[in-house]
Amino acid sequence: MPTDAPIDLLPAAPAPPSPDRRRPAQGLLLDVDGPVASPVTRTVPAGIIADLLTLAAAGWPVVFNTGRSDAFIRRQVMEPMLAAGLPAGITFHAVCEKGATWFSFTADGAGEVFTDRGLALPTSFADDVRDLVEEKYSHLMFFDETKLAMVSVEQSLEAANADYLEGQRSFDEDVLDIMHSHDMGACRLDREEPDSNGDIEYRVDPTIISTDIESVRVGKDLGAERALTLVAPLMDLPRTWRTVGDSRTDYAMADYLHEQGYDLAHVDVRPADGVPAKPYEVLTEGSLIHEEAGAAFLARCVASLG
């Protein structure tokens, strides 16, 4: 069962280490939908599983930094790794729901799931969104019952993506109306709907296959901070990191690591959405996108081991 996070499990993120040849070559901070799991099938290719196991066995810290739930990571990432043969002594970390929940897993399976309850949305609001989906949008999407802090809906596998995206606009508008009825100040892209105090504490975040309704305090930058606190007690932190994502919001994890003084490059597996100007290197995999681009990048990482 999920556990509220005690304060002493949330230390300040460690400072970057000094150069040291004994440290792992680099760390990996990976979004899941897109770079690792196919946004079409929601599954992870066997080659990606194998390469992640190889890199972790070589001493590279691997952290999944995702909006997905812990349940999704266990089912689509951890279980295939266990089936492929996750070696003893290796720990993977998963920061889920954009920093609101987190856990680690080894060859023995998943450890305890921690939840920052201060980032959780009201249960009554979640109930209203569930009802909305059932009454009006069940032909396009489903309510994600596995989320512990945010409220999310996702495109049904049977629905065409074009139909889903058209219906998503209407759904998001309906969600903002529900939030107004709960006096929950919210924003969606450029639209802002403050609460009765003039505050905005929540965000409606549409993606190509889902909509997440979340605290404005969550994000891939919070996930990156959590990632460092998970890795630091178990191994020396590398100075060099690679972050990998498929949306513009994924750049926040690279921004955070850059601001903390780490050496990094960000791998964008869907650059057609626009590559922003950044003070660090942005890498792409030619014409490849999504999990095919992720697989190509990880294969190059494995090849670099020699």
C-alpha atoms as a PDB file:
ATOM      1  CA  MET A   1       0.000   0.000   0.000  1.00  0.00           C
ATOM      2  CA  PRO A   2       1.185   3.542  -0.651  1.00  0.00           C
ATOM      3  CA  THR A   3       2.715   5.337   2.295  1.00  0.00           C
ATOM      4  CA  ASP A   4       2.762   9.042   3.019  1.00  0.00           C
ATOM      5  CA  ALA A   5       6.304  10.309   2.707  1.00  0.00           C
ATOM      6  CA  PRO A   6       7.948  11.113   6.043  1.00  0.00           C
ATOM      7  CA  ILE A   7       9.854  14.368   6.043  1.00  0.00           C
ATOM      8  CA  ASP A   8      13.199  12.673   6.571  1.00  0.00           C
ATOM      9  CA  LEU A   9      12.805  10.817   3.278  1.00  0.00           C
ATOM     10  CA  LEU A  10      12.732  14.116   1.395  1.00  0.00           C
ATOM     11  CA  PRO A  11      16.181  15.659   1.874  1.00  0.00           C
ATOM     12  CA  ALA A  12      17.485  18.480  -0.251  1.00  0.00           C
ATOM     13  CA  ALA A  13      18.862  17.257  -3.557  1.00  0.00           C
ATOM     14  CA  PRO A  14      22.581  16.461  -3.320  1.00  0.00           C
ATOM     15  CA  ALA A  15      25.138  18.815  -4.821  1.00  0.00           C
ATOM     16  CA  PRO A  16      26.964  17.691  -7.978  1.00  0.00           C
ATOM     17  CA  PRO A  17      30.050  15.613  -7.176  1.00  0.00           C
ATOM     18  CA  SER A  18      33.569  16.584  -8.090  1.00  0.00           C
ATOM     19  CA  PRO A  19      35.099  14.866 -11.112  1.00  0.00           C
ATOM     20  CA  ASP A  20      36.132  11.311 -10.258  1.00  0.00           C
ATOM     21  CA  ARG A  21      37.073   8.586 -12.727  1.00  0.00           C
ATOM     22  CA  ARG A  22      35.606   5.951 -10.428  1.00  0.00           C
ATOM     23  CA  ARG A  23      32.088   7.334 -10.780  1.00  0.00           C
ATOM     24  CA  PRO A  24      29.589   5.833 -13.251  1.00  0.00           C
ATOM     25  CA  ALA A  25      29.885   7.240 -16.751  1.00  0.00           C
ATOM     26  CA  GLN A  26      26.457   8.834 -16.736  1.00  0.00           C
ATOM     27  CA  GLY A  27      22.977   8.678 -15.268  1.00  0.00           C
ATOM     28  CA  LEU A  28      19.743   8.209 -17.178  1.00  0.00           C
ATOM     29  CA  LEU A  29      16.559  10.097 -16.329  1.00  0.00           C
ATOM     30  CA  LEU A  30      13.824   8.761 -18.586  1.00  0.00           C
ATOM     31  CA  ASP A  31      10.282   9.784 -19.377  1.00  0.00           C
ATOM     32  CA  VAL A  32       8.293   6.603 -20.012  1.00  0.00           C
ATOM     33  CA  ASP A  33       5.503   7.318 -22.531  1.00  0.00           C
ATOM     34  CA  GLY A  34       7.248   7.890 -25.836  1.00  0.00           C
ATOM     35  CA  PRO A  35      10.936   7.225 -25.182  1.00  0.00           C
ATOM     36  CA  VAL A  36      10.427   3.867 -23.422  1.00  0.00           C
ATOM     37  CA  ALA A  37       6.820   2.713 -23.833  1.00  0.00           C
ATOM     38  CA  SER A  38       5.003   2.971 -27.152  1.00  0.00           C
ATOM     39  CA  PRO A  39       2.242   5.608 -27.015  1.00  0.00           C
ATOM     40  CA  VAL A  40       0.242   3.321 -29.326  1.00  0.00           C
ATOM     41  CA  THR A  41       0.508  -0.053 -27.560  1.00  0.00           C
ATOM     42  CA  ARG A  42       1.612   1.267 -24.101  1.00  0.00           C
ATOM     43  CA  THR A  43       4.171  -1.559 -23.969  1.00  0.00           C
ATOM     44  CA  VAL A  44       7.987  -1.502 -23.828  1.00  0.00           C
ATOM     45  CA  PRO A  45       9.995  -3.201 -26.604  1.00  0.00           C
ATOM     46  CA  ALA A  46      12.148  -6.116 -25.469  1.00  0.00           C
ATOM     47  CA  GLY A  47      15.278  -4.428 -26.841  1.00  0.00           C
ATOM     48  CA  ILE A  48      14.785  -1.431 -24.575  1.00  0.00           C
ATOM     49  CA  ILE A  49      14.314  -3.699 -21.565  1.00  0.00           C
ATOM     50  CA  ALA A  50      17.529  -5.556 -22.416  1.00  0.00           C
ATOM     51  CA  ASP A  51      19.561  -2.383 -22.923  1.00  0.00           C
ATOM     52  CA  LEU A  52      18.341  -0.820 -19.666  1.00  0.00           C
ATOM     53  CA  LEU A  53      19.374  -3.968 -17.804  1.00  0.00           C
ATOM     54  CA  THR A  54      22.785  -3.871 -19.469  1.00  0.00           C
ATOM     55  CA  LEU A  55      23.367  -0.214 -18.586  1.00  0.00           C
ATOM     56  CA  ALA A  56      22.240  -0.658 -14.987  1.00  0.00           C
ATOM     57  CA  ALA A  57      24.500  -3.703 -14.634  1.00  0.00           C
ATOM     58  CA  ALA A  58      27.378  -1.511 -15.854  1.00  0.00           C
ATOM     59  CA  GLY A  59      26.777   0.866 -12.957  1.00  0.00           C
ATOM     60  CA  TRP A  60      24.644   3.521 -14.625  1.00  0.00           C
ATOM     61  CA  PRO A  61      21.850   4.832 -12.382  1.00  0.00           C
ATOM     62  CA  VAL A  62      18.517   4.569 -14.200  1.00  0.00           C
ATOM     63  CA  VAL A  63      15.499   6.534 -13.000  1.00  0.00           C
ATOM     64  CA  PHE A  64      12.100   6.705 -14.683  1.00  0.00           C
ATOM     65  CA  ASN A  65      10.637  10.217 -14.364  1.00  0.00           C
ATOM     66  CA  THR A  66       7.056   9.932 -15.521  1.00  0.00           C
ATOM     67  CA  GLY A  67       3.495  11.079 -15.192  1.00  0.00           C
ATOM     68  CA  ARG A  68       2.482   7.425 -15.136  1.00  0.00           C
ATOM     69  CA  SER A  69       1.391   5.661 -11.969  1.00  0.00           C
ATOM     70  CA  ASP A  70       3.485   3.230  -9.960  1.00  0.00           C
ATOM     71  CA  ALA A  71       1.094   0.479 -11.089  1.00  0.00           C
ATOM     72  CA  PHE A  72       1.884   1.177 -14.754  1.00  0.00           C
ATOM     73  CA  ILE A  73       5.639   1.088 -14.124  1.00  0.00           C
ATOM     74  CA  ARG A  74       5.365  -2.193 -12.242  1.00  0.00           C
ATOM     75  CA  ARG A  75       3.295  -3.789 -15.000  1.00  0.00           C
ATOM     76  CA  GLN A  76       4.976  -2.428 -18.142  1.00  0.00           C
ATOM     77  CA  VAL A  77       8.581  -1.929 -17.005  1.00  0.00           C
ATOM     78  CA  MET A  78       9.407  -3.863 -13.840  1.00  0.00           C
ATOM     79  CA  GLU A  79       7.640  -7.118 -14.692  1.00  0.00           C
ATOM     80  CA  PRO A  80       9.283  -7.418 -18.153  1.00  0.00           C
ATOM     81  CA  MET A  81      12.659  -6.741 -16.497  1.00  0.00           C
ATOM     82  CA  LEU A  82      12.055  -9.459 -13.938  1.00  0.00           C
ATOM     83  CA  ALA A  83      11.016 -11.835 -16.693  1.00  0.00           C
ATOM     84  CA  ALA A  84      14.174 -10.986 -18.665  1.00  0.00           C
ATOM     85  CA  GLY A  85      16.354 -11.606 -15.613  1.00  0.00           C
ATOM     86  CA  LEU A  86      17.015  -8.554 -13.470  1.00  0.00           C
ATOM     87  CA  PRO A  87      20.339  -9.332 -11.747  1.00  0.00           C
ATOM     88  CA  ALA A  88      20.633  -9.224  -7.975  1.00  0.00           C
ATOM     89  CA  GLY A  89      22.220  -6.090  -6.571  1.00  0.00           C
ATOM     90  CA  ILE A  90      20.712  -3.682  -9.118  1.00  0.00           C
ATOM     91  CA  THR A  91      18.158  -1.053  -8.138  1.00  0.00           C
ATOM     92  CA  PHE A  92      15.932   0.889 -10.501  1.00  0.00           C
ATOM     93  CA  HIS A  93      13.988   3.919  -9.340  1.00  0.00           C
ATOM     94  CA  ALA A  94      10.655   5.293 -10.527  1.00  0.00           C
ATOM     95  CA  VAL A  95       9.400   8.799  -9.807  1.00  0.00           C
ATOM     96  CA  CYS A  96       5.747   8.712 -10.819  1.00  0.00           C
ATOM     97  CA  GLU A  97       2.900  11.193 -11.250  1.00  0.00           C
ATOM     98  CA  LYS A  98       5.471  13.921 -11.997  1.00  0.00           C
ATOM     99  CA  GLY A  99       7.065  13.726  -8.583  1.00  0.00           C
ATOM    100  CA  ALA A 100       4.021  13.042  -6.388  1.00  0.00           C
ATOM    101  CA  THR A 101       4.773   9.336  -5.849  1.00  0.00           C
ATOM    102  CA  TRP A 102       7.926   7.215  -6.005  1.00  0.00           C
ATOM    103  CA  PHE A 103       9.350   3.743  -5.368  1.00  0.00           C
ATOM    104  CA  SER A 104      12.338   1.552  -6.197  1.00  0.00           C
ATOM    105  CA  PHE A 105      12.541  -2.020  -7.439  1.00  0.00           C
ATOM    106  CA  THR A 106      15.104  -4.813  -7.528  1.00  0.00           C
ATOM    107  CA  ALA A 107      15.211  -8.485  -8.439  1.00  0.00           C
ATOM    108  CA  ASP A 108      12.975  -9.011  -5.401  1.00  0.00           C
ATOM    109  CA  GLY A 109      10.253  -6.794  -6.888  1.00  0.00           C
ATOM    110  CA  ALA A 110       8.840  -3.427  -5.942  1.00  0.00           C
ATOM    111  CA  GLY A 111       9.610  -1.679  -2.713  1.00  0.00           C
ATOM    112  CA  GLU A 112       7.276   0.573  -0.772  1.00  0.00           C
ATOM    113  CA  VAL A 113       5.411   3.268  -2.694  1.00  0.00           C
ATOM    114  CA  PHE A 114       5.591   6.733  -1.146  1.00  0.00           C
ATOM    115  CA  THR A 115       3.058   9.476  -1.811  1.00  0.00           C
ATOM    116  CA  ASP A 116       3.290  13.186  -1.103  1.00  0.00           C
ATOM    117  CA  ARG A 117      -0.292  13.702   0.086  1.00  0.00           C
ATOM    118  CA  GLY A 118       0.159  17.448  -0.051  1.00  0.00           C
ATOM    119  CA  LEU A 119       0.096  17.119  -3.847  1.00  0.00           C
ATOM    120  CA  ALA A 120      -3.034  14.944  -4.050  1.00  0.00           C
ATOM    121  CA  LEU A 121      -6.274  16.250  -5.584  1.00  0.00           C
ATOM    122  CA  PRO A 122      -9.574  16.127  -3.651  1.00  0.00           C
ATOM    123  CA  THR A 123     -11.370  12.790  -3.803  1.00  0.00           C
ATOM    124  CA  SER A 124     -14.721  14.489  -4.480  1.00  0.00           C
ATOM    125  CA  PHE A 125     -13.263  16.134  -7.584  1.00  0.00           C
ATOM    126  CA  ALA A 126     -11.879  12.802  -8.821  1.00  0.00           C
ATOM    127  CA  ASP A 127     -15.314  11.235  -8.374  1.00  0.00           C
ATOM    128  CA  ASP A 128     -16.895  13.956 -10.516  1.00  0.00           C
ATOM    129  CA  VAL A 129     -14.326  13.440 -13.288  1.00  0.00           C
ATOM    130  CA  ARG A 130     -14.918   9.695 -13.216  1.00  0.00           C
ATOM    131  CA  ASP A 131     -18.656  10.324 -13.609  1.00  0.00           C
ATOM    132  CA  LEU A 132     -17.997  12.731 -16.496  1.00  0.00           C
ATOM    133  CA  VAL A 133     -15.991  10.111 -18.373  1.00  0.00           C
ATOM    134  CA  GLU A 134     -18.634   7.424 -17.858  1.00  0.00           C
ATOM    135  CA  GLU A 135     -21.499   9.670 -18.918  1.00  0.00           C
ATOM    136  CA  LYS A 136     -19.992  11.467 -21.899  1.00  0.00           C
ATOM    137  CA  TYR A 137     -16.556  10.254 -23.032  1.00  0.00           C
ATOM    138  CA  SER A 138     -16.300   6.491 -22.436  1.00  0.00           C
ATOM    139  CA  HIS A 139     -16.105   5.854 -26.195  1.00  0.00           C
ATOM    140  CA  LEU A 140     -12.834   7.801 -26.330  1.00  0.00           C
ATOM    141  CA  MET A 141     -11.101   7.473 -22.966  1.00  0.00           C
ATOM    142  CA  PHE A 142     -10.981   5.790 -19.589  1.00  0.00           C
ATOM    143  CA  PHE A 143     -10.464   7.081 -16.067  1.00  0.00           C
ATOM    144  CA  ASP A 144      -7.086   5.964 -14.682  1.00  0.00           C
ATOM    145  CA  GLU A 145      -7.912   4.267 -11.386  1.00  0.00           C
ATOM    146  CA  THR A 146      -4.233   3.663 -10.573  1.00  0.00           C
ATOM    147  CA  LYS A 147      -3.293   7.294  -9.885  1.00  0.00           C
ATOM    148  CA  LEU A 148      -2.670   8.116  -6.220  1.00  0.00           C
ATOM    149  CA  ALA A 149      -2.242  11.915  -6.363  1.00  0.00           C
ATOM    150  CA  MET A 150      -3.248  13.334  -9.743  1.00  0.00           C
ATOM    151  CA  VAL A 151      -6.456  12.684 -11.710  1.00  0.00           C
ATOM    152  CA  SER A 152      -5.929  11.332 -15.226  1.00  0.00           C
ATOM    153  CA  VAL A 153      -7.817  10.053 -18.220  1.00  0.00           C
ATOM    154  CA  GLU A 154      -6.288   8.209 -21.139  1.00  0.00           C
ATOM    155  CA  GLN A 155      -7.193   7.417 -24.726  1.00  0.00           C
ATOM    156  CA  SER A 156      -8.791   3.989 -25.087  1.00  0.00           C
ATOM    157  CA  LEU A 157      -6.816   1.610 -27.271  1.00  0.00           C
ATOM    158  CA  GLU A 158      -9.915   1.113 -29.422  1.00  0.00           C
ATOM    159  CA  ALA A 159     -10.268   4.846 -30.183  1.00  0.00           C
ATOM    160  CA  ALA A 160      -8.512   6.575 -33.067  1.00  0.00           C
ATOM    161  CA  ASN A 161      -6.041   9.192 -31.868  1.00  0.00           C
ATOM    162  CA  ALA A 162      -7.550  11.892 -34.103  1.00  0.00           C
ATOM    163  CA  ASP A 163     -10.984  11.251 -32.586  1.00  0.00           C
ATOM    164  CA  TYR A 164      -9.540  11.271 -29.097  1.00  0.00           C
ATOM    165  CA  LEU A 165      -7.713  14.561 -29.595  1.00  0.00           C
ATOM    166  CA  GLU A 166     -10.888  16.178 -30.936  1.00  0.00           C
ATOM    167  CA  GLY A 167     -12.881  14.963 -27.934  1.00  0.00           C
ATOM    168  CA  GLN A 168     -10.084  15.898 -25.543  1.00  0.00           C
ATOM    169  CA  ARG A 169     -10.675  19.611 -26.092  1.00  0.00           C
ATOM    170  CA  SER A 170     -14.298  19.271 -25.018  1.00  0.00           C
ATOM    171  CA  PHE A 171     -13.367  17.053 -22.078  1.00  0.00           C
ATOM    172  CA  ASP A 172     -10.790  19.532 -20.825  1.00  0.00           C
ATOM    173  CA  GLU A 173     -13.349  22.346 -20.982  1.00  0.00           C
ATOM    174  CA  ASP A 174     -15.792  20.236 -18.991  1.00  0.00           C
ATOM    175  CA  VAL A 175     -13.085  19.518 -16.422  1.00  0.00           C
ATOM    176  CA  LEU A 176     -12.414  23.219 -15.978  1.00  0.00           C
ATOM    177  CA  ASP A 177     -16.132  23.721 -15.339  1.00  0.00           C
ATOM    178  CA  ILE A 178     -16.037  21.003 -12.658  1.00  0.00           C
ATOM    179  CA  MET A 179     -12.997  22.615 -11.080  1.00  0.00           C
ATOM    180  CA  HIS A 180     -14.818  25.934 -10.983  1.00  0.00           C
ATOM    181  CA  SER A 181     -17.719  24.257  -9.157  1.00  0.00           C
ATOM    182  CA  HIS A 182     -15.214  22.975  -6.567  1.00  0.00           C
ATOM    183  CA  ASP A 183     -13.580  26.435  -6.335  1.00  0.00           C
ATOM    184  CA  MET A 184     -10.314  24.941  -7.599  1.00  0.00           C
ATOM    185  CA  GLY A 185      -8.254  27.556  -9.420  1.00  0.00           C
ATOM    186  CA  ALA A 186      -6.742  25.993 -12.525  1.00  0.00           C
ATOM    187  CA  CYS A 187      -4.874  26.677 -15.746  1.00  0.00           C
ATOM    188  CA  ARG A 188      -4.803  24.893 -19.096  1.00  0.00           C
ATOM    189  CA  LEU A 189      -2.103  26.024 -21.500  1.00  0.00           C
ATOM    190  CA  ASP A 190      -2.703  29.800 -21.791  1.00  0.00           C
ATOM    191  CA  ARG A 191      -6.112  29.770 -20.098  1.00  0.00           C
ATOM    192  CA  GLU A 192      -6.308  30.657 -16.407  1.00  0.00           C
ATOM    193  CA  GLU A 193      -9.336  30.248 -14.129  1.00  0.00           C
ATOM    194  CA  PRO A 194      -8.427  31.438 -10.597  1.00  0.00           C
ATOM    195  CA  ASP A 195     -10.338  30.332  -7.506  1.00  0.00           C
ATOM    196  CA  SER A 196     -12.362  32.713  -5.308  1.00  0.00           C
ATOM    197  CA  ASN A 197      -9.122  33.924  -3.699  1.00  0.00           C
ATOM    198  CA  GLY A 198      -7.528  34.665  -7.051  1.00  0.00           C
ATOM    199  CA  ASP A 199      -5.169  31.675  -6.792  1.00  0.00           C
ATOM    200  CA  ILE A 200      -4.301  28.925  -9.259  1.00  0.00           C
ATOM    201  CA  GLU A 201      -3.197  25.723  -7.535  1.00  0.00           C
ATOM    202  CA  TYR A 202      -3.977  23.156 -10.239  1.00  0.00           C
ATOM    203  CA  ARG A 203      -3.087  22.459 -13.853  1.00  0.00           C
ATOM    204  CA  VAL A 204      -4.952  20.689 -16.664  1.00  0.00           C
ATOM    205  CA  ASP A 205      -2.183  19.188 -18.789  1.00  0.00           C
ATOM    206  CA  PRO A 206      -3.199  17.606 -22.135  1.00  0.00           C
ATOM    207  CA  THR A 207      -0.840  15.174 -23.890  1.00  0.00           C
ATOM    208  CA  ILE A 208      -1.209  13.251 -27.145  1.00  0.00           C
ATOM    209  CA  ILE A 209      -2.934  10.325 -25.376  1.00  0.00           C
ATOM    210  CA  SER A 210      -4.126  11.681 -22.024  1.00  0.00           C
ATOM    211  CA  THR A 211      -5.092  14.584 -19.814  1.00  0.00           C
ATOM    212  CA  ASP A 212      -3.532  14.937 -16.361  1.00  0.00           C
ATOM    213  CA  ILE A 213      -5.158  17.149 -13.749  1.00  0.00           C
ATOM    214  CA  GLU A 214      -2.520  17.916 -11.148  1.00  0.00           C
ATOM    215  CA  SER A 215      -1.056  20.276  -8.604  1.00  0.00           C
ATOM    216  CA  VAL A 216       0.942  23.101 -10.157  1.00  0.00           C
ATOM    217  CA  ARG A 217       3.789  22.023  -7.856  1.00  0.00           C
ATOM    218  CA  VAL A 218       4.392  18.738  -9.677  1.00  0.00           C
ATOM    219  CA  GLY A 219       6.503  18.503 -12.815  1.00  0.00           C
ATOM    220  CA  LYS A 220       9.512  16.850 -14.368  1.00  0.00           C
ATOM    221  CA  ASP A 221      11.784  19.228 -12.429  1.00  0.00           C
ATOM    222  CA  LEU A 222      10.345  17.949  -9.132  1.00  0.00           C
ATOM    223  CA  GLY A 223      10.798  14.441 -10.499  1.00  0.00           C
ATOM    224  CA  ALA A 224      14.457  15.151 -11.229  1.00  0.00           C
ATOM    225  CA  GLU A 225      14.992  16.411  -7.686  1.00  0.00           C
ATOM    226  CA  ARG A 226      13.355  13.285  -6.269  1.00  0.00           C
ATOM    227  CA  ALA A 227      15.524  11.158  -8.572  1.00  0.00           C
ATOM    228  CA  LEU A 228      18.750  12.503  -7.109  1.00  0.00           C
ATOM    229  CA  THR A 229      17.580  11.857  -3.550  1.00  0.00           C
ATOM    230  CA  LEU A 230      16.774   8.247  -4.485  1.00  0.00           C
ATOM    231  CA  VAL A 231      20.085   7.527  -6.209  1.00  0.00           C
ATOM    232  CA  ALA A 232      22.460   9.294  -3.794  1.00  0.00           C
ATOM    233  CA  PRO A 233      22.170   6.867  -0.837  1.00  0.00           C
ATOM    234  CA  LEU A 234      22.998   3.866  -3.028  1.00  0.00           C
ATOM    235  CA  MET A 235      25.851   5.005  -5.265  1.00  0.00           C
ATOM    236  CA  ASP A 236      28.093   7.909  -6.156  1.00  0.00           C
ATOM    237  CA  LEU A 237      26.170  10.379  -8.274  1.00  0.00           C
ATOM    238  CA  PRO A 238      27.602  10.811 -11.775  1.00  0.00           C
ATOM    239  CA  ARG A 239      28.366  14.321 -12.974  1.00  0.00           C
ATOM    240  CA  THR A 240      27.009  13.493 -16.427  1.00  0.00           C
ATOM    241  CA  TRP A 241      23.340  12.784 -17.117  1.00  0.00           C
ATOM    242  CA  ARG A 242      21.150  12.160 -20.123  1.00  0.00           C
ATOM    243  CA  THR A 243      17.481  13.091 -19.871  1.00  0.00           C
ATOM    244  CA  VAL A 244      15.063  11.660 -22.421  1.00  0.00           C
ATOM    245  CA  GLY A 245      11.539  12.822 -23.238  1.00  0.00           C
ATOM    246  CA  ASP A 246       8.948  13.347 -25.943  1.00  0.00           C
ATOM    247  CA  SER A 247       7.219  16.572 -24.863  1.00  0.00           C
ATOM    248  CA  ARG A 248       8.231  20.159 -24.195  1.00  0.00           C
ATOM    249  CA  THR A 249       7.469  19.726 -20.470  1.00  0.00           C
ATOM    250  CA  ASP A 250      10.126  16.995 -20.301  1.00  0.00           C
ATOM    251  CA  TYR A 251      12.799  19.657 -20.769  1.00  0.00           C
ATOM    252  CA  ALA A 252      12.123  20.704 -17.160  1.00  0.00           C
ATOM    253  CA  MET A 253      14.149  17.751 -15.849  1.00  0.00           C
ATOM    254  CA  ALA A 254      17.120  18.768 -17.968  1.00  0.00           C
ATOM    255  CA  ASP A 255      16.666  22.392 -16.879  1.00  0.00           C
ATOM    256  CA  TYR A 256      16.770  21.333 -13.235  1.00  0.00           C
ATOM    257  CA  LEU A 257      19.939  19.241 -13.583  1.00  0.00           C
ATOM    258  CA  HIS A 258      21.633  22.006 -15.563  1.00  0.00           C
ATOM    259  CA  GLU A 259      20.734  24.555 -12.881  1.00  0.00           C
ATOM    260  CA  GLN A 260      22.220  22.243 -10.237  1.00  0.00           C
ATOM    261  CA  GLY A 261      25.529  22.182 -12.103  1.00  0.00           C
ATOM    262  CA  TYR A 262      25.434  18.759 -13.735  1.00  0.00           C
ATOM    263  CA  ASP A 263      26.789  18.067 -17.206  1.00  0.00           C
ATOM    264  CA  LEU A 264      23.967  16.881 -19.406  1.00  0.00           C
ATOM    265  CA  ALA A 265      22.300  16.590 -22.752  1.00  0.00           C
ATOM    266  CA  HIS A 266      18.598  16.129 -23.387  1.00  0.00           C
ATOM    267  CA  VAL A 267      17.361  13.579 -25.915  1.00  0.00           C
ATOM    268  CA  ASP A 268      14.149  14.713 -27.636  1.00  0.00           C
ATOM    269  CA  VAL A 269      12.300  11.812 -29.249  1.00  0.00           C
ATOM    270  CA  ARG A 270       9.584  14.020 -30.755  1.00  0.00           C
ATOM    271  CA  PRO A 271      11.441  17.118 -31.988  1.00  0.00           C
ATOM    272  CA  ALA A 272       8.756  17.997 -34.533  1.00  0.00           C
ATOM    273  CA  ASP A 273       6.885  19.692 -31.683  1.00  0.00           C
ATOM    274  CA  GLY A 274       9.690  22.254 -31.618  1.00  0.00           C
ATOM    275  CA  VAL A 275      13.109  22.244 -29.984  1.00  0.00           C
ATOM    276  CA  PRO A 276      13.524  25.198 -27.616  1.00  0.00           C
ATOM    277  CA  ALA A 277      16.794  27.079 -27.279  1.00  0.00           C
ATOM    278  CA  LYS A 278      18.662  25.662 -24.283  1.00  0.00           C
ATOM    279  CA  PRO A 279      22.061  26.207 -22.637  1.00  0.00           C
ATOM    280  CA  TYR A 280      22.783  22.480 -22.966  1.00  0.00           C
ATOM    281  CA  GLU A 281      22.963  20.100 -25.914  1.00  0.00           C
ATOM    282  CA  VAL A 282      19.733  18.688 -27.341  1.00  0.00           C
ATOM    283  CA  LEU A 283      20.083  15.373 -29.166  1.00  0.00           C
ATOM    284  CA  THR A 284      17.720  13.693 -31.625  1.00  0.00           C
ATOM    285  CA  GLU A 285      17.752  10.355 -33.445  1.00  0.00           C
ATOM    286  CA  GLY A 286      17.316  11.525 -37.014  1.00  0.00           C
ATOM    287  CA  SER A 287      13.864  10.697 -38.373  1.00  0.00           C
ATOM    288  CA  LEU A 288      13.109   8.210 -35.579  1.00  0.00           C
ATOM    289  CA  ILE A 289      10.510   9.148 -32.969  1.00  0.00           C
ATOM    290  CA  HIS A 290       9.017   7.770 -29.752  1.00  0.00           C
ATOM    291  CA  GLU A 291      10.199   4.341 -28.614  1.00  0.00           C
ATOM    292  CA  GLU A 292      12.157   3.766 -31.848  1.00  0.00           C
ATOM    293  CA  ALA A 293      14.230   6.858 -31.085  1.00  0.00           C
ATOM    294  CA  GLY A 294      14.542   5.783 -27.442  1.00  0.00           C
ATOM    295  CA  ALA A 295      15.733   2.356 -28.520  1.00  0.00           C
ATOM    296  CA  ALA A 296      18.342   3.863 -30.869  1.00  0.00           C
ATOM    297  CA  PHE A 297      19.671   6.136 -28.130  1.00  0.00           C
ATOM    298  CA  LEU A 298      19.913   3.331 -25.576  1.00  0.00           C
ATOM    299  CA  ALA A 299      21.616   1.072 -28.108  1.00  0.00           C
ATOM    300  CA  ARG A 300      24.279   3.737 -28.610  1.00  0.00           C
ATOM    301  CA  CYS A 301      24.712   3.957 -24.837  1.00  0.00           C
ATOM    302  CA  VAL A 302      25.281   0.215 -24.673  1.00  0.00           C
ATOM    303  CA  ALA A 303      27.739   0.379 -27.565  1.00  0.00           C
ATOM    304  CA  SER A 304      29.702   3.039 -25.657  1.00  0.00           C
ATOM    305  CA  LEU A 305      30.432   0.522 -22.895  1.00  0.00           C
ATOM    306  CA  GLY A 306      32.947  -1.123 -25.195  1.00  0.00           C
END
